[in-house]
Amino acid sequence: AINDMGLHFLGKMKIMVVRDIERNEVDFICKTLNCRPIASVDH
């Protein structure tokens, strides 16, 4: 979902990245953080 160049840019922007979130974790994370999954950069 992300290559080394993407990690490099986000790191320079001081944005933390946690990769490989499993599909079965999504519902629990959304409920806990009160957020919604983002399927497109436009959203």
All heavy atoms as atom14 arrays in JSON, in Angstrom:
{
  "sequence": "AINDMGLHFLGKMKIMVVRDIERNEVDFICKTLNCRPIASVDH",
  "atom14_mask": [
    [1, 1, 1, 1, 1, 0, 0, 0, 0, 0, 0, 0, 0, 0],
    [1, 1, 1, 1, 1, 1, 1, 1, 0, 0, 0, 0, 0, 0],
    [1, 1, 1, 1, 1, 1, 1, 1, 0, 0, 0, 0, 0, 0],
    [1, 1, 1, 1, 1, 1, 1, 1, 0, 0, 0, 0, 0, 0],
    [1, 1, 1, 1, 1, 1, 1, 1, 0, 0, 0, 0, 0, 0],
    [1, 1, 1, 1, 0, 0, 0, 0, 0, 0, 0, 0, 0, 0],
    [1, 1, 1, 1, 1, 1, 1, 1, 0, 0, 0, 0, 0, 0],
    [1, 1, 1, 1, 1, 1, 1, 1, 1, 1, 0, 0, 0, 0],
    [1, 1, 1, 1, 1, 1, 1, 1, 1, 1, 1, 0, 0, 0],
    [1, 1, 1, 1, 1, 1, 1, 1, 0, 0, 0, 0, 0, 0],
    [1, 1, 1, 1, 0, 0, 0, 0, 0, 0, 0, 0, 0, 0],
    [1, 1, 1, 1, 1, 1, 1, 1, 1, 0, 0, 0, 0, 0],
    [1, 1, 1, 1, 1, 1, 1, 1, 0, 0, 0, 0, 0, 0],
    [1, 1, 1, 1, 1, 1, 1, 1, 1, 0, 0, 0, 0, 0],
    [1, 1, 1, 1, 1, 1, 1, 1, 0, 0, 0, 0, 0, 0],
    [1, 1, 1, 1, 1, 1, 1, 1, 0, 0, 0, 0, 0, 0],
    [1, 1, 1, 1, 1, 1, 1, 0, 0, 0, 0, 0, 0, 0],
    [1, 1, 1, 1, 1, 1, 1, 0, 0, 0, 0, 0, 0, 0],
    [1, 1, 1, 1, 1, 1, 1, 1, 1, 1, 1, 0, 0, 0],
    [1, 1, 1, 1, 1, 1, 1, 1, 0, 0, 0, 0, 0, 0],
    [1, 1, 1, 1, 1, 1, 1, 1, 0, 0, 0, 0, 0, 0],
    [1, 1, 1, 1, 1, 1, 1, 1, 1, 0, 0, 0, 0, 0],
    [1, 1, 1, 1, 1, 1, 1, 1, 1, 1, 1, 0, 0, 0],
    [1, 1, 1, 1, 1, 1, 1, 1, 0, 0, 0, 0, 0, 0],
    [1, 1, 1, 1, 1, 1, 1, 1, 1, 0, 0, 0, 0, 0],
    [1, 1, 1, 1, 1, 1, 1, 0, 0, 0, 0, 0, 0, 0],
    [1, 1, 1, 1, 1, 1, 1, 1, 0, 0, 0, 0, 0, 0],
    [1, 1, 1, 1, 1, 1, 1, 1, 1, 1, 1, 0, 0, 0],
    [1, 1, 1, 1, 1, 1, 1, 1, 0, 0, 0, 0, 0, 0],
    [1, 1, 1, 1, 1, 1, 0, 0, 0, 0, 0, 0, 0, 0],
    [1, 1, 1, 1, 1, 1, 1, 1, 1, 0, 0, 0, 0, 0],
    [1, 1, 1, 1, 1, 1, 1, 0, 0, 0, 0, 0, 0, 0],
    [1, 1, 1, 1, 1, 1, 1, 1, 0, 0, 0, 0, 0, 0],
    [1, 1, 1, 1, 1, 1, 1, 1, 0, 0, 0, 0, 0, 0],
    [1, 1, 1, 1, 1, 1, 0, 0, 0, 0, 0, 0, 0, 0],
    [1, 1, 1, 1, 1, 1, 1, 1, 1, 1, 1, 0, 0, 0],
    [1, 1, 1, 1, 1, 1, 1, 0, 0, 0, 0, 0, 0, 0],
    [1, 1, 1, 1, 1, 1, 1, 1, 0, 0, 0, 0, 0, 0],
    [1, 1, 1, 1, 1, 0, 0, 0, 0, 0, 0, 0, 0, 0],
    [1, 1, 1, 1, 1, 1, 0, 0, 0, 0, 0, 0, 0, 0],
    [1, 1, 1, 1, 1, 1, 1, 0, 0, 0, 0, 0, 0, 0],
    [1, 1, 1, 1, 1, 1, 1, 1, 0, 0, 0, 0, 0, 0],
    [1, 1, 1, 1, 1, 1, 1, 1, 1, 1, 0, 0, 0, 0]
  ],
  "atom14_positions": [
    [[0.82, -1.21, 0.0], [0.0, 0.0, 0.0], [0.85, 1.26, 0.0], [0.37, 2.33, -0.31], [-0.92, -0.01, 1.21], [0.0, 0.0, 0.0], [0.0, 0.0, 0.0], [0.0, 0.0, 0.0], [0.0, 0.0, 0.0], [0.0, 0.0, 0.0], [0.0, 0.0, 0.0], [0.0, 0.0, 0.0], [0.0, 0.0, 0.0], [0.0, 0.0, 0.0]],
    [[2.12, 1.14, 0.36], [3.02, 2.3, 0.39], [4.43, 1.82, 0.08], [4.84, 0.73, 0.48], [2.97, 3.0, 1.77], [3.76, 4.32, 1.76], [3.47, 2.1, 2.88], [3.53, 5.18, 2.98], [0.0, 0.0, 0.0], [0.0, 0.0, 0.0], [0.0, 0.0, 0.0], [0.0, 0.0, 0.0], [0.0, 0.0, 0.0], [0.0, 0.0, 0.0]],
    [[5.17, 2.63, -0.67], [6.56, 2.27, -0.98], [7.52, 3.15, -0.17], [7.11, 4.0, 0.61], [6.82, 2.38, -2.48], [6.62, 3.81, -3.0], [6.48, 4.76, -2.24], [6.59, 3.94, -4.32], [0.0, 0.0, 0.0], [0.0, 0.0, 0.0], [0.0, 0.0, 0.0], [0.0, 0.0, 0.0], [0.0, 0.0, 0.0], [0.0, 0.0, 0.0]],
    [[8.81, 2.92, -0.36], [9.81, 3.64, 0.43], [9.78, 5.14, 0.18], [10.04, 5.93, 1.09], [11.22, 3.1, 0.11], [11.43, 1.69, 0.62], [10.59, 1.24, 1.42], [12.42, 1.05, 0.22], [0.0, 0.0, 0.0], [0.0, 0.0, 0.0], [0.0, 0.0, 0.0], [0.0, 0.0, 0.0], [0.0, 0.0, 0.0], [0.0, 0.0, 0.0]],
    [[9.43, 5.54, -1.0], [9.37, 6.97, -1.31], [8.24, 7.64, -0.53], [8.41, 8.73, 0.02], [9.17, 7.18, -2.82], [9.37, 8.63, -3.26], [9.13, 8.82, -5.04], [10.46, 7.83, -5.69], [0.0, 0.0, 0.0], [0.0, 0.0, 0.0], [0.0, 0.0, 0.0], [0.0, 0.0, 0.0], [0.0, 0.0, 0.0], [0.0, 0.0, 0.0]],
    [[7.08, 6.95, -0.44], [5.97, 7.48, 0.34], [6.33, 7.59, 1.81], [6.01, 8.6, 2.47], [0.0, 0.0, 0.0], [0.0, 0.0, 0.0], [0.0, 0.0, 0.0], [0.0, 0.0, 0.0], [0.0, 0.0, 0.0], [0.0, 0.0, 0.0], [0.0, 0.0, 0.0], [0.0, 0.0, 0.0], [0.0, 0.0, 0.0], [0.0, 0.0, 0.0]],
    [[7.0, 6.59, 2.33], [7.45, 6.63, 3.74], [8.44, 7.78, 3.95], [8.41, 8.45, 4.99], [8.1, 5.3, 4.13], [7.17, 4.11, 4.33], [7.98, 2.83, 4.55], [6.26, 4.33, 5.54], [0.0, 0.0, 0.0], [0.0, 0.0, 0.0], [0.0, 0.0, 0.0], [0.0, 0.0, 0.0], [0.0, 0.0, 0.0], [0.0, 0.0, 0.0]],
    [[9.3, 7.98, 2.97], [10.29, 9.05, 3.08], [9.62, 10.43, 3.16], [9.94, 11.23, 4.05], [11.24, 8.99, 1.87], [12.16, 10.16, 1.76], [13.25, 10.34, 2.59], [12.13, 11.26, 0.94], [13.86, 11.47, 2.27], [13.2, 12.04, 1.28], [0.0, 0.0, 0.0], [0.0, 0.0, 0.0], [0.0, 0.0, 0.0], [0.0, 0.0, 0.0]],
    [[8.67, 10.68, 2.27], [7.98, 11.98, 2.26], [7.2, 12.19, 3.56], [7.25, 13.29, 4.15], [7.04, 12.08, 1.06], [7.76, 12.27, -0.25], [7.31, 11.63, -1.4], [8.87, 13.1, -0.34], [7.97, 11.81, -2.6], [9.53, 13.28, -1.54], [9.08, 12.63, -2.68], [0.0, 0.0, 0.0], [0.0, 0.0, 0.0], [0.0, 0.0, 0.0]],
    [[6.46, 11.17, 3.99], [5.67, 11.3, 5.23], [6.58, 11.48, 6.44], [6.25, 12.22, 7.36], [4.77, 10.08, 5.4], [3.63, 9.94, 4.38], [2.91, 8.61, 4.57], [2.65, 11.09, 4.48], [0.0, 0.0, 0.0], [0.0, 0.0, 0.0], [0.0, 0.0, 0.0], [0.0, 0.0, 0.0], [0.0, 0.0, 0.0], [0.0, 0.0, 0.0]],
    [[7.73, 10.81, 6.42], [8.69, 10.99, 7.52], [9.22, 12.41, 7.57], [9.36, 12.99, 8.65], [0.0, 0.0, 0.0], [0.0, 0.0, 0.0], [0.0, 0.0, 0.0], [0.0, 0.0, 0.0], [0.0, 0.0, 0.0], [0.0, 0.0, 0.0], [0.0, 0.0, 0.0], [0.0, 0.0, 0.0], [0.0, 0.0, 0.0], [0.0, 0.0, 0.0]],
    [[9.52, 12.99, 6.4], [10.0, 14.37, 6.34], [8.94, 15.36, 6.83], [9.27, 16.42, 7.38], [10.39, 14.72, 4.9], [11.67, 14.07, 4.42], [12.89, 14.64, 5.1], [14.18, 14.08, 4.53], [15.37, 14.61, 5.25], [0.0, 0.0, 0.0], [0.0, 0.0, 0.0], [0.0, 0.0, 0.0], [0.0, 0.0, 0.0], [0.0, 0.0, 0.0]],
    [[7.66, 14.98, 6.64], [6.56, 15.84, 7.08], [6.17, 15.58, 8.54], [5.18, 16.12, 9.01], [5.34, 15.62, 6.18], [5.55, 16.01, 4.73], [4.11, 15.55, 3.71], [4.68, 16.06, 2.09], [0.0, 0.0, 0.0], [0.0, 0.0, 0.0], [0.0, 0.0, 0.0], [0.0, 0.0, 0.0], [0.0, 0.0, 0.0], [0.0, 0.0, 0.0]],
    [[6.96, 14.73, 9.23], [6.71, 14.38, 10.64], [5.34, 13.72, 10.82], [4.62, 13.98, 11.78], [6.8, 15.61, 11.55], [8.14, 16.35, 11.47], [9.29, 15.46, 11.93], [10.61, 16.22, 11.9], [11.77, 15.34, 12.21], [0.0, 0.0, 0.0], [0.0, 0.0, 0.0], [0.0, 0.0, 0.0], [0.0, 0.0, 0.0], [0.0, 0.0, 0.0]],
    [[4.99, 12.87, 9.86], [3.74, 12.12, 9.95], [4.08, 10.67, 10.28], [4.85, 10.02, 9.57], [2.95, 12.2, 8.62], [2.52, 13.65, 8.35], [1.71, 11.29, 8.68], [1.86, 13.85, 7.0], [0.0, 0.0, 0.0], [0.0, 0.0, 0.0], [0.0, 0.0, 0.0], [0.0, 0.0, 0.0], [0.0, 0.0, 0.0], [0.0, 0.0, 0.0]],
    [[3.49, 10.17, 11.36], [3.73, 8.78, 11.77], [2.92, 7.83, 10.9], [1.76, 8.09, 10.6], [3.33, 8.61, 13.24], [3.53, 7.2, 13.78], [2.82, 6.99, 15.44], [3.91, 8.01, 16.41], [0.0, 0.0, 0.0], [0.0, 0.0, 0.0], [0.0, 0.0, 0.0], [0.0, 0.0, 0.0], [0.0, 0.0, 0.0], [0.0, 0.0, 0.0]],
    [[3.54, 6.72, 10.52], [2.88, 5.72, 9.67], [2.89, 4.36, 10.37], [3.95, 3.89, 10.81], [3.56, 5.6, 8.29], [2.85, 4.55, 7.45], [3.59, 6.93, 7.59], [0.0, 0.0, 0.0], [0.0, 0.0, 0.0], [0.0, 0.0, 0.0], [0.0, 0.0, 0.0], [0.0, 0.0, 0.0], [0.0, 0.0, 0.0], [0.0, 0.0, 0.0]],
    [[1.72, 3.76, 10.5], [1.6, 2.38, 11.02], [0.99, 1.55, 9.9], [-0.16, 1.76, 9.51], [0.72, 2.32, 12.28], [0.65, 0.89, 12.8], [1.27, 3.25, 13.35], [0.0, 0.0, 0.0], [0.0, 0.0, 0.0], [0.0, 0.0, 0.0], [0.0, 0.0, 0.0], [0.0, 0.0, 0.0], [0.0, 0.0, 0.0], [0.0, 0.0, 0.0]],
    [[1.78, 0.61, 9.38], [1.34, -0.17, 8.23], [0.67, -1.49, 8.63], [0.7, -1.89, 9.79], [2.54, -0.5, 7.33], [3.08, 0.67, 6.57], [4.08, 0.23, 5.54], [5.33, -0.24, 6.12], [6.38, -0.64, 5.41], [6.32, -0.64, 4.09], [7.49, -1.04, 5.99], [0.0, 0.0, 0.0], [0.0, 0.0, 0.0], [0.0, 0.0, 0.0]],
    [[0.1, -2.14, 7.63], [-0.41, -3.52, 7.72], [-1.52, -3.69, 8.76], [-1.55, -4.68, 9.5], [0.73, -4.5, 8.02], [1.77, -4.54, 6.9], [1.39, -4.19, 5.77], [2.92, -4.91, 7.16], [0.0, 0.0, 0.0], [0.0, 0.0, 0.0], [0.0, 0.0, 0.0], [0.0, 0.0, 0.0], [0.0, 0.0, 0.0], [0.0, 0.0, 0.0]],
    [[-2.4, -2.7, 8.85], [-3.6, -2.88, 9.68], [-4.49, -3.93, 9.01], [-4.82, -3.81, 7.83], [-4.38, -1.55, 9.82], [-3.48, -0.46, 10.47], [-5.66, -1.75, 10.61], [-3.07, -0.77, 11.88], [0.0, 0.0, 0.0], [0.0, 0.0, 0.0], [0.0, 0.0, 0.0], [0.0, 0.0, 0.0], [0.0, 0.0, 0.0], [0.0, 0.0, 0.0]],
    [[-4.84, -4.97, 9.76], [-5.63, -6.06, 9.19], [-7.09, -5.63, 9.01], [-7.59, -4.77, 9.73], [-5.57, -7.3, 10.1], [-4.18, -7.87, 10.28], [-3.66, -8.57, 9.02], [-4.45, -8.78, 8.09], [-2.45, -8.86, 8.98], [0.0, 0.0, 0.0], [0.0, 0.0, 0.0], [0.0, 0.0, 0.0], [0.0, 0.0, 0.0], [0.0, 0.0, 0.0]],
    [[-7.76, -6.3, 8.08], [-9.15, -5.98, 7.78], [-10.05, -6.17, 9.01], [-10.97, -5.39, 9.26], [-9.65, -6.84, 6.62], [-11.05, -6.49, 6.13], [-11.46, -7.44, 5.02], [-10.61, -7.29, 3.85], [-10.83, -6.39, 2.89], [-11.85, -5.57, 2.98], [-10.03, -6.32, 1.85], [0.0, 0.0, 0.0], [0.0, 0.0, 0.0], [0.0, 0.0, 0.0]],
    [[-9.76, -7.24, 9.8], [-10.62, -7.5, 10.97], [-10.38, -6.53, 12.12], [-11.09, -6.56, 13.12], [-10.43, -8.95, 11.45], [-8.98, -9.28, 11.79], [-8.13, -8.39, 11.83], [-8.69, -10.54, 12.03], [0.0, 0.0, 0.0], [0.0, 0.0, 0.0], [0.0, 0.0, 0.0], [0.0, 0.0, 0.0], [0.0, 0.0, 0.0], [0.0, 0.0, 0.0]],
    [[-9.35, -5.67, 12.0], [-9.1, -4.66, 13.03], [-9.81, -3.35, 12.75], [-9.92, -2.5, 13.63], [-7.59, -4.38, 13.14], [-6.74, -5.55, 13.58], [-5.26, -5.2, 13.61], [-4.63, -5.15, 12.53], [-4.73, -4.96, 14.72], [0.0, 0.0, 0.0], [0.0, 0.0, 0.0], [0.0, 0.0, 0.0], [0.0, 0.0, 0.0], [0.0, 0.0, 0.0]],
    [[-10.29, -3.18, 11.53], [-10.81, -1.88, 11.09], [-12.01, -1.44, 11.93], [-12.07, -0.29, 12.4], [-11.16, -1.93, 9.59], [-11.93, -0.67, 9.18], [-9.91, -2.08, 8.76], [0.0, 0.0, 0.0], [0.0, 0.0, 0.0], [0.0, 0.0, 0.0], [0.0, 0.0, 0.0], [0.0, 0.0, 0.0], [0.0, 0.0, 0.0], [0.0, 0.0, 0.0]],
    [[-12.98, -2.32, 12.13], [-14.19, -1.95, 12.87], [-13.87, -1.51, 14.29], [-14.42, -0.51, 14.79], [-15.17, -3.12, 12.9], [-15.81, -3.37, 11.54], [-15.78, -2.46, 10.71], [-16.34, -4.48, 11.33], [0.0, 0.0, 0.0], [0.0, 0.0, 0.0], [0.0, 0.0, 0.0], [0.0, 0.0, 0.0], [0.0, 0.0, 0.0], [0.0, 0.0, 0.0]],
    [[-12.98, -2.27, 14.96], [-12.63, -1.93, 16.34], [-11.9, -0.58, 16.41], [-12.19, 0.24, 17.29], [-11.74, -3.03, 16.94], [-11.42, -2.82, 18.4], [-12.31, -3.21, 19.39], [-10.22, -2.21, 18.79], [-12.02, -3.01, 20.73], [-9.93, -2.01, 20.12], [-10.83, -2.41, 21.1], [0.0, 0.0, 0.0], [0.0, 0.0, 0.0], [0.0, 0.0, 0.0]],
    [[-10.99, -0.34, 15.47], [-10.24, 0.92, 15.44], [-11.19, 2.1, 15.2], [-11.11, 3.12, 15.89], [-9.15, 0.87, 14.35], [-8.04, -0.11, 14.76], [-8.54, 2.26, 14.12], [-7.02, -0.39, 13.67], [0.0, 0.0, 0.0], [0.0, 0.0, 0.0], [0.0, 0.0, 0.0], [0.0, 0.0, 0.0], [0.0, 0.0, 0.0], [0.0, 0.0, 0.0]],
    [[-12.1, 1.95, 14.24], [-13.04, 3.03, 13.93], [-13.95, 3.34, 15.13], [-14.22, 4.5, 15.44], [-13.88, 2.68, 12.72], [-12.95, 2.67, 11.17], [0.0, 0.0, 0.0], [0.0, 0.0, 0.0], [0.0, 0.0, 0.0], [0.0, 0.0, 0.0], [0.0, 0.0, 0.0], [0.0, 0.0, 0.0], [0.0, 0.0, 0.0], [0.0, 0.0, 0.0]],
    [[-14.41, 2.28, 15.8], [-15.29, 2.47, 16.96], [-14.53, 3.14, 18.1], [-15.08, 4.0, 18.8], [-15.84, 1.13, 17.41], [-16.89, 1.24, 18.51], [-17.55, -0.09, 18.8], [-18.65, 0.06, 19.85], [-19.34, -1.22, 20.13], [0.0, 0.0, 0.0], [0.0, 0.0, 0.0], [0.0, 0.0, 0.0], [0.0, 0.0, 0.0], [0.0, 0.0, 0.0]],
    [[-13.28, 2.74, 18.3], [-12.48, 3.29, 19.4], [-12.12, 4.75, 19.16], [-12.27, 5.6, 20.05], [-11.19, 2.46, 19.6], [-11.54, 1.1, 19.82], [-10.39, 2.98, 20.79], [0.0, 0.0, 0.0], [0.0, 0.0, 0.0], [0.0, 0.0, 0.0], [0.0, 0.0, 0.0], [0.0, 0.0, 0.0], [0.0, 0.0, 0.0], [0.0, 0.0, 0.0]],
    [[-11.63, 5.04, 17.96], [-11.15, 6.39, 17.65], [-12.27, 7.33, 17.2], [-12.04, 8.52, 17.04], [-10.09, 6.33, 16.55], [-8.81, 5.55, 16.87], [-7.89, 5.54, 15.66], [-8.08, 6.18, 18.07], [0.0, 0.0, 0.0], [0.0, 0.0, 0.0], [0.0, 0.0, 0.0], [0.0, 0.0, 0.0], [0.0, 0.0, 0.0], [0.0, 0.0, 0.0]],
    [[-13.47, 6.77, 16.99], [-14.59, 7.57, 16.48], [-14.22, 8.23, 15.16], [-14.45, 9.42, 14.93], [-15.0, 8.63, 17.51], [-16.37, 9.21, 17.21], [-17.19, 8.58, 16.55], [-16.62, 10.42, 17.69], [0.0, 0.0, 0.0], [0.0, 0.0, 0.0], [0.0, 0.0, 0.0], [0.0, 0.0, 0.0], [0.0, 0.0, 0.0], [0.0, 0.0, 0.0]],
    [[-13.62, 7.41, 14.29], [-13.24, 7.91, 12.97], [-13.88, 7.01, 11.91], [-14.57, 6.04, 12.23], [-11.72, 7.92, 12.8], [-10.97, 6.27, 12.77], [0.0, 0.0, 0.0], [0.0, 0.0, 0.0], [0.0, 0.0, 0.0], [0.0, 0.0, 0.0], [0.0, 0.0, 0.0], [0.0, 0.0, 0.0], [0.0, 0.0, 0.0], [0.0, 0.0, 0.0]],
    [[-13.62, 7.34, 10.64], [-14.17, 6.55, 9.54], [-13.04, 6.19, 8.58], [-12.11, 6.99, 8.36], [-15.25, 7.34, 8.8], [-16.47, 7.62, 9.66], [-17.39, 8.63, 9.01], [-17.96, 8.14, 7.76], [-18.68, 8.88, 6.92], [-18.92, 10.15, 7.22], [-19.16, 8.37, 5.8], [0.0, 0.0, 0.0], [0.0, 0.0, 0.0], [0.0, 0.0, 0.0]],
    [[-13.08, 4.99, 7.99], [-12.03, 4.62, 7.03], [-12.11, 5.49, 5.78], [-13.2, 5.85, 5.32], [-12.33, 3.15, 6.72], [-13.76, 2.95, 7.09], [-14.07, 3.91, 8.19], [0.0, 0.0, 0.0], [0.0, 0.0, 0.0], [0.0, 0.0, 0.0], [0.0, 0.0, 0.0], [0.0, 0.0, 0.0], [0.0, 0.0, 0.0], [0.0, 0.0, 0.0]],
    [[-10.95, 5.85, 5.24], [-10.87, 6.75, 4.09], [-10.44, 5.94, 2.88], [-9.31, 5.45, 2.82], [-9.88, 7.9, 4.37], [-10.29, 8.64, 5.65], [-9.82, 8.84, 3.19], [-9.21, 9.5, 6.23], [0.0, 0.0, 0.0], [0.0, 0.0, 0.0], [0.0, 0.0, 0.0], [0.0, 0.0, 0.0], [0.0, 0.0, 0.0], [0.0, 0.0, 0.0]],
    [[-11.33, 5.8, 1.91], [-11.07, 4.93, 0.76], [-10.43, 5.66, -0.4], [-9.93, 5.03, -1.33], [-12.37, 4.27, 0.3], [0.0, 0.0, 0.0], [0.0, 0.0, 0.0], [0.0, 0.0, 0.0], [0.0, 0.0, 0.0], [0.0, 0.0, 0.0], [0.0, 0.0, 0.0], [0.0, 0.0, 0.0], [0.0, 0.0, 0.0], [0.0, 0.0, 0.0]],
    [[-10.44, 6.99, -0.37], [-9.87, 7.77, -1.48], [-9.24, 9.04, -0.92], [-9.72, 9.59, 0.07], [-10.95, 8.11, -2.5], [-10.49, 9.07, -3.41], [0.0, 0.0, 0.0], [0.0, 0.0, 0.0], [0.0, 0.0, 0.0], [0.0, 0.0, 0.0], [0.0, 0.0, 0.0], [0.0, 0.0, 0.0], [0.0, 0.0, 0.0], [0.0, 0.0, 0.0]],
    [[-8.19, 9.49, -1.57], [-7.52, 10.72, -1.12], [-8.46, 11.92, -1.23], [-8.32, 12.92, -0.51], [-6.22, 10.94, -1.92], [-6.54, 11.29, -3.38], [-5.34, 12.01, -1.28], [0.0, 0.0, 0.0], [0.0, 0.0, 0.0], [0.0, 0.0, 0.0], [0.0, 0.0, 0.0], [0.0, 0.0, 0.0], [0.0, 0.0, 0.0], [0.0, 0.0, 0.0]],
    [[-9.45, 11.84, -2.12], [-10.41, 12.94, -2.29], [-11.34, 13.07, -1.09], [-11.96, 14.11, -0.88], [-11.25, 12.73, -3.55], [-10.39, 12.73, -4.81], [-9.37, 13.45, -4.82], [-10.72, 12.01, -5.77], [0.0, 0.0, 0.0], [0.0, 0.0, 0.0], [0.0, 0.0, 0.0], [0.0, 0.0, 0.0], [0.0, 0.0, 0.0], [0.0, 0.0, 0.0]],
    [[-11.49, 11.96, -0.3], [-12.38, 11.98, 0.86], [-11.64, 12.34, 2.15], [-12.22, 12.27, 3.23], [-13.04, 10.6, 1.04], [-13.87, 10.18, -0.13], [-14.11, 8.86, -0.44], [-14.49, 10.93, -1.1], [-14.84, 8.8, -1.53], [-15.09, 10.04, -1.95], [0.0, 0.0, 0.0], [0.0, 0.0, 0.0], [0.0, 0.0, 0.0], [0.0, 0.0, 0.0]]
  ]
}
